[in-house]
Amino acid sequence: MSTLTIRQVNEDVKRRLQVPAAQNGRSMEAEVRAILAEAVSIDIAVETDDPLFAALRDFRRLTGGVELDIPSRSDDVERPVPDFS
């Protein structure tokens, strides 16, 4: 492994890195390593000329993706059987 030193990091950037690091249960250093690894793997792993896929890839890169709330399911709810005829 090699060492990378980044100087003059904006305080706002540092503060915004602390939040996802805490949410993911890791240090800021580990969070930055994960962000860098993901950032370079996206460009290398996915090479395409499809404009829709490129737009989705850029959206994910800029926003970090989308978190969807998955509603809980309970077995006591009666659901109709779909008719595919």
Protein backbone atom coordinates (compact mmCIF):
# COMPACT_ATOMS: atom_id res chain seq x y z
CA MET A 1 0.00 0.00 0.00
CA SER A 2 1.11 3.53 -0.62
CA THR A 3 0.39 6.74 1.25
CA LEU A 4 -1.44 9.71 -0.22
CA THR A 5 -1.40 13.07 1.55
CA ILE A 6 -4.00 15.67 0.65
CA ARG A 7 -3.35 19.18 1.93
CA GLN A 8 -5.61 22.22 2.19
CA VAL A 9 -8.92 20.34 2.35
CA ASN A 10 -11.80 22.78 2.71
CA GLU A 11 -13.44 22.63 6.16
CA ASP A 12 -16.88 22.19 4.57
CA VAL A 13 -15.61 19.19 2.59
CA LYS A 14 -14.11 17.70 5.74
CA ARG A 15 -17.36 18.18 7.66
CA ARG A 16 -19.39 16.62 4.82
CA LEU A 17 -17.05 13.61 4.82
CA GLN A 18 -17.57 13.08 8.55
CA VAL A 19 -21.30 12.42 8.16
CA PRO A 20 -21.18 9.46 5.73
CA ALA A 21 -18.13 8.10 7.56
CA ALA A 22 -20.11 8.00 10.80
CA GLN A 23 -23.17 6.56 9.04
CA ASN A 24 -21.02 3.79 7.55
CA GLY A 25 -19.25 3.12 10.85
CA ARG A 26 -15.77 3.93 9.62
CA SER A 27 -13.11 6.59 10.01
CA MET A 28 -12.88 9.54 7.64
CA GLU A 29 -9.71 8.01 6.23
CA ALA A 30 -11.51 4.72 5.52
CA GLU A 31 -14.44 6.64 4.02
CA VAL A 32 -12.13 8.55 1.66
CA ARG A 33 -10.47 5.28 0.62
CA ALA A 34 -13.89 3.78 -0.16
CA ILE A 35 -14.95 6.88 -2.12
CA LEU A 36 -11.73 6.89 -4.15
CA ALA A 37 -11.92 3.16 -4.87
CA GLU A 38 -15.53 3.47 -6.05
CA ALA A 39 -14.81 6.58 -8.13
CA VAL A 40 -12.05 4.96 -10.14
CA SER A 41 -13.80 1.59 -10.47
CA ILE A 42 -16.91 3.16 -12.03
CA ASP A 43 -14.96 4.63 -14.95
CA ILE A 44 -12.87 1.52 -15.53
CA ALA A 45 -15.60 -1.09 -15.09
CA VAL A 46 -18.26 0.61 -17.21
CA GLU A 47 -17.30 1.83 -20.64
CA THR A 48 -20.28 2.37 -22.93
CA ASP A 49 -21.57 4.67 -25.64
CA ASP A 50 -25.20 4.32 -24.50
CA PRO A 51 -26.30 7.89 -23.58
CA LEU A 52 -28.97 6.71 -21.13
CA PHE A 53 -26.52 4.51 -19.26
CA ALA A 54 -23.97 7.34 -19.27
CA ALA A 55 -26.56 9.72 -17.79
CA LEU A 56 -27.46 7.21 -15.07
CA ARG A 57 -23.79 6.59 -14.29
CA ASP A 58 -23.18 10.34 -14.00
CA PHE A 59 -26.25 10.75 -11.77
CA ARG A 60 -24.96 8.02 -9.46
CA ARG A 61 -21.51 9.56 -9.40
CA LEU A 62 -22.86 13.03 -8.55
CA THR A 63 -25.47 12.02 -6.01
CA GLY A 64 -24.13 8.81 -4.55
CA GLY A 65 -27.23 6.97 -5.72
CA VAL A 66 -30.72 6.94 -4.34
CA GLU A 67 -31.87 5.39 -1.08
CA LEU A 68 -35.36 3.96 -1.31
CA ASP A 69 -37.50 3.17 1.71
CA ILE A 70 -38.68 -0.39 1.45
CA PRO A 71 -42.03 -0.80 3.18
CA SER A 72 -42.33 -3.64 5.61
CA ARG A 73 -44.49 -6.60 4.66
CA SER A 74 -46.72 -8.36 7.07
CA ASP A 75 -48.19 -11.77 6.39
CA ASP A 76 -51.63 -10.82 7.71
CA VAL A 77 -52.44 -8.55 4.75
CA GLU A 78 -54.69 -10.14 2.13
CA ARG A 79 -53.34 -9.43 -1.34
CA PRO A 80 -55.27 -10.15 -4.52
CA VAL A 81 -53.77 -12.70 -6.88
CA PRO A 82 -52.83 -10.96 -10.15
CA ASP A 83 -54.61 -12.05 -13.31
CA PHE A 84 -52.13 -12.21 -16.20
CA SER A 85 -54.56 -13.50 -18.79
